[in-house]
N, C-alpha and C. Protein backbone atom coordinates (compact mmCIF):
# COMPACT_ATOMS: atom_id res chain seq x y z
N MET A 1 -12.99 10.88 -0.95
CA MET A 1 -12.67 12.27 -1.19
C MET A 1 -13.01 13.14 0.01
N SER A 2 -13.80 12.65 0.94
CA SER A 2 -14.19 13.48 2.06
C SER A 2 -13.05 13.69 3.06
N LEU A 3 -11.94 12.95 2.93
CA LEU A 3 -10.83 13.07 3.87
C LEU A 3 -9.85 14.17 3.49
N ILE A 4 -10.00 14.72 2.27
CA ILE A 4 -9.03 15.69 1.77
C ILE A 4 -9.75 17.00 1.48
N GLY A 5 -9.08 18.10 1.72
CA GLY A 5 -9.64 19.41 1.42
C GLY A 5 -9.56 20.29 2.65
N THR A 6 -10.04 21.50 2.49
CA THR A 6 -10.06 22.44 3.60
C THR A 6 -11.47 22.48 4.19
N PRO A 7 -11.60 22.91 5.44
CA PRO A 7 -12.93 22.93 6.06
C PRO A 7 -13.95 23.82 5.33
N ASN A 8 -13.49 24.84 4.64
CA ASN A 8 -14.40 25.79 3.99
C ASN A 8 -14.61 25.52 2.51
N SER A 9 -14.14 24.38 2.02
CA SER A 9 -14.30 24.09 0.59
C SER A 9 -14.82 22.67 0.40
N ALA A 10 -15.15 22.38 -0.83
CA ALA A 10 -15.63 21.03 -1.16
C ALA A 10 -14.47 20.03 -1.09
N PRO A 11 -14.77 18.74 -0.93
CA PRO A 11 -13.70 17.73 -0.94
C PRO A 11 -12.94 17.75 -2.27
N SER A 12 -11.68 17.41 -2.21
CA SER A 12 -10.87 17.39 -3.42
C SER A 12 -10.25 16.01 -3.62
N LYS A 13 -9.88 15.73 -4.84
CA LYS A 13 -9.28 14.44 -5.16
C LYS A 13 -7.78 14.46 -4.91
N VAL A 14 -7.21 13.30 -4.68
CA VAL A 14 -5.76 13.16 -4.54
C VAL A 14 -5.13 13.39 -5.91
N GLN A 15 -4.05 14.14 -5.96
CA GLN A 15 -3.43 14.47 -7.24
C GLN A 15 -2.68 13.31 -7.85
N ALA A 16 -2.07 12.48 -7.03
CA ALA A 16 -1.30 11.34 -7.55
C ALA A 16 -2.10 10.06 -7.31
N PRO A 17 -1.91 9.05 -8.15
CA PRO A 17 -2.59 7.76 -7.93
C PRO A 17 -1.96 7.06 -6.73
N MET A 18 -2.42 7.37 -5.53
CA MET A 18 -1.77 6.92 -4.31
C MET A 18 -1.74 5.40 -4.17
N VAL A 19 -2.77 4.70 -4.62
CA VAL A 19 -2.76 3.24 -4.51
C VAL A 19 -1.62 2.66 -5.33
N ASP A 20 -1.40 3.20 -6.53
CA ASP A 20 -0.30 2.73 -7.37
C ASP A 20 1.05 3.01 -6.73
N VAL A 21 1.20 4.18 -6.13
CA VAL A 21 2.46 4.56 -5.50
C VAL A 21 2.73 3.66 -4.29
N VAL A 22 1.73 3.45 -3.45
CA VAL A 22 1.90 2.62 -2.25
C VAL A 22 2.17 1.17 -2.65
N THR A 23 1.49 0.67 -3.67
CA THR A 23 1.72 -0.70 -4.12
C THR A 23 3.13 -0.86 -4.66
N GLY A 24 3.62 0.12 -5.40
CA GLY A 24 4.99 0.08 -5.89
C GLY A 24 5.99 0.09 -4.75
N TYR A 25 5.72 0.90 -3.74
CA TYR A 25 6.59 0.95 -2.57
C TYR A 25 6.62 -0.40 -1.86
N MET A 26 5.45 -0.99 -1.66
CA MET A 26 5.40 -2.29 -0.99
C MET A 26 6.06 -3.39 -1.83
N ALA A 27 5.92 -3.32 -3.14
CA ALA A 27 6.58 -4.30 -4.02
C ALA A 27 8.10 -4.16 -3.91
N CYS A 28 8.58 -2.93 -3.83
CA CYS A 28 10.01 -2.69 -3.69
C CYS A 28 10.52 -3.25 -2.35
N MET A 29 9.78 -2.98 -1.28
CA MET A 29 10.19 -3.49 0.03
C MET A 29 10.15 -5.01 0.06
N ALA A 30 9.12 -5.62 -0.54
CA ALA A 30 9.03 -7.08 -0.58
C ALA A 30 10.19 -7.66 -1.38
N GLY A 31 10.56 -7.01 -2.47
CA GLY A 31 11.70 -7.46 -3.26
C GLY A 31 13.00 -7.40 -2.49
N LEU A 32 13.19 -6.34 -1.71
CA LEU A 32 14.40 -6.23 -0.91
C LEU A 32 14.46 -7.29 0.19
N VAL A 33 13.31 -7.58 0.80
CA VAL A 33 13.26 -8.62 1.83
C VAL A 33 13.58 -9.98 1.21
N LYS A 34 13.00 -10.26 0.03
CA LYS A 34 13.24 -11.54 -0.64
C LYS A 34 14.71 -11.64 -1.09
N LEU A 35 15.30 -10.54 -1.53
CA LEU A 35 16.71 -10.54 -1.91
C LEU A 35 17.60 -10.84 -0.71
N HIS A 36 17.26 -10.26 0.43
CA HIS A 36 18.03 -10.52 1.65
C HIS A 36 17.91 -12.00 2.04
N ALA A 37 16.70 -12.55 1.95
CA ALA A 37 16.50 -13.97 2.27
C ALA A 37 17.26 -14.87 1.30
N TRP A 38 17.29 -14.48 0.02
CA TRP A 38 18.01 -15.26 -0.99
C TRP A 38 19.51 -15.27 -0.70
N GLU A 39 20.05 -14.11 -0.31
CA GLU A 39 21.47 -14.04 0.03
C GLU A 39 21.78 -14.87 1.28
N LYS A 40 20.81 -14.95 2.19
CA LYS A 40 21.02 -15.67 3.45
C LYS A 40 20.93 -17.18 3.26
N ASP A 41 19.89 -17.68 2.59
CA ASP A 41 19.69 -19.12 2.49
C ASP A 41 19.67 -19.66 1.07
N GLY A 42 19.79 -18.81 0.06
CA GLY A 42 19.88 -19.25 -1.32
C GLY A 42 18.57 -19.71 -1.95
N LEU A 43 17.46 -19.50 -1.27
CA LEU A 43 16.17 -19.92 -1.80
C LEU A 43 15.48 -18.76 -2.51
N GLY A 44 14.89 -19.05 -3.65
CA GLY A 44 14.12 -18.06 -4.37
C GLY A 44 12.69 -18.04 -3.86
N GLY A 45 11.85 -17.32 -4.53
CA GLY A 45 10.46 -17.27 -4.10
C GLY A 45 9.60 -16.50 -5.05
N HIS A 46 8.36 -16.36 -4.69
CA HIS A 46 7.37 -15.66 -5.50
C HIS A 46 6.81 -14.50 -4.69
N LEU A 47 6.72 -13.33 -5.30
CA LEU A 47 6.12 -12.17 -4.64
C LEU A 47 4.77 -11.87 -5.29
N ASP A 48 3.79 -11.61 -4.47
CA ASP A 48 2.45 -11.28 -4.95
C ASP A 48 2.01 -10.00 -4.25
N VAL A 49 1.92 -8.92 -5.00
CA VAL A 49 1.51 -7.63 -4.45
C VAL A 49 0.20 -7.24 -5.11
N SER A 50 -0.81 -6.96 -4.29
CA SER A 50 -2.15 -6.70 -4.78
C SER A 50 -2.52 -5.23 -4.57
N LEU A 51 -3.09 -4.62 -5.61
CA LEU A 51 -3.55 -3.25 -5.49
C LEU A 51 -4.67 -3.12 -4.45
N ILE A 52 -5.60 -4.06 -4.47
CA ILE A 52 -6.73 -3.96 -3.53
C ILE A 52 -6.28 -4.17 -2.09
N ALA A 53 -5.31 -5.05 -1.87
CA ALA A 53 -4.79 -5.25 -0.51
C ALA A 53 -4.11 -3.99 0.00
N GLU A 54 -3.35 -3.33 -0.86
CA GLU A 54 -2.69 -2.09 -0.45
C GLU A 54 -3.70 -0.97 -0.23
N LEU A 55 -4.75 -0.94 -1.04
CA LEU A 55 -5.82 0.05 -0.85
C LEU A 55 -6.47 -0.13 0.51
N LEU A 56 -6.81 -1.38 0.85
CA LEU A 56 -7.43 -1.64 2.14
C LEU A 56 -6.48 -1.35 3.30
N ALA A 57 -5.21 -1.69 3.13
CA ALA A 57 -4.23 -1.43 4.20
C ALA A 57 -4.02 0.06 4.41
N SER A 58 -3.99 0.84 3.34
CA SER A 58 -3.77 2.27 3.48
C SER A 58 -5.00 2.98 4.01
N ASN A 59 -6.19 2.41 3.80
CA ASN A 59 -7.41 3.01 4.33
C ASN A 59 -7.76 2.51 5.72
N ALA A 60 -7.03 1.54 6.22
CA ALA A 60 -7.34 0.95 7.53
C ALA A 60 -7.25 1.98 8.65
N MET A 61 -6.37 2.97 8.52
CA MET A 61 -6.25 3.97 9.58
C MET A 61 -7.46 4.90 9.60
N HIS A 62 -8.16 5.03 8.48
CA HIS A 62 -9.34 5.88 8.42
C HIS A 62 -10.61 5.11 8.70
N CYS A 63 -10.57 3.79 8.58
CA CYS A 63 -11.74 2.93 8.78
C CYS A 63 -11.37 1.83 9.77
N PRO A 64 -11.37 2.12 11.06
CA PRO A 64 -10.91 1.12 12.02
C PRO A 64 -11.78 -0.13 12.08
N GLU A 65 -13.01 -0.09 11.55
CA GLU A 65 -13.85 -1.28 11.58
C GLU A 65 -13.51 -2.29 10.51
N VAL A 66 -12.61 -1.95 9.56
CA VAL A 66 -12.20 -2.88 8.52
C VAL A 66 -11.10 -3.77 9.07
N GLU A 67 -11.27 -5.09 8.98
CA GLU A 67 -10.25 -6.02 9.45
C GLU A 67 -9.55 -6.65 8.27
N MET A 68 -8.23 -6.71 8.34
CA MET A 68 -7.45 -7.37 7.30
C MET A 68 -7.36 -8.85 7.64
N ALA A 69 -7.65 -9.71 6.67
CA ALA A 69 -7.61 -11.15 6.91
C ALA A 69 -6.19 -11.66 6.84
């Protein structure tokens, strides 16, 4: 919460559940990539989208010491 707000006020919370929105966006993009691959080579696959992975990825720009494995 310390990243949001104005300099003269207390920190404020994000209005939308940003982790859910970003995870949905990434799931959509992964689905489109898999659909393109299916049209190209006819192979199906499994998509795994994690809320915690997207949370860490979206916070990586604010916490440069965090490394994604």
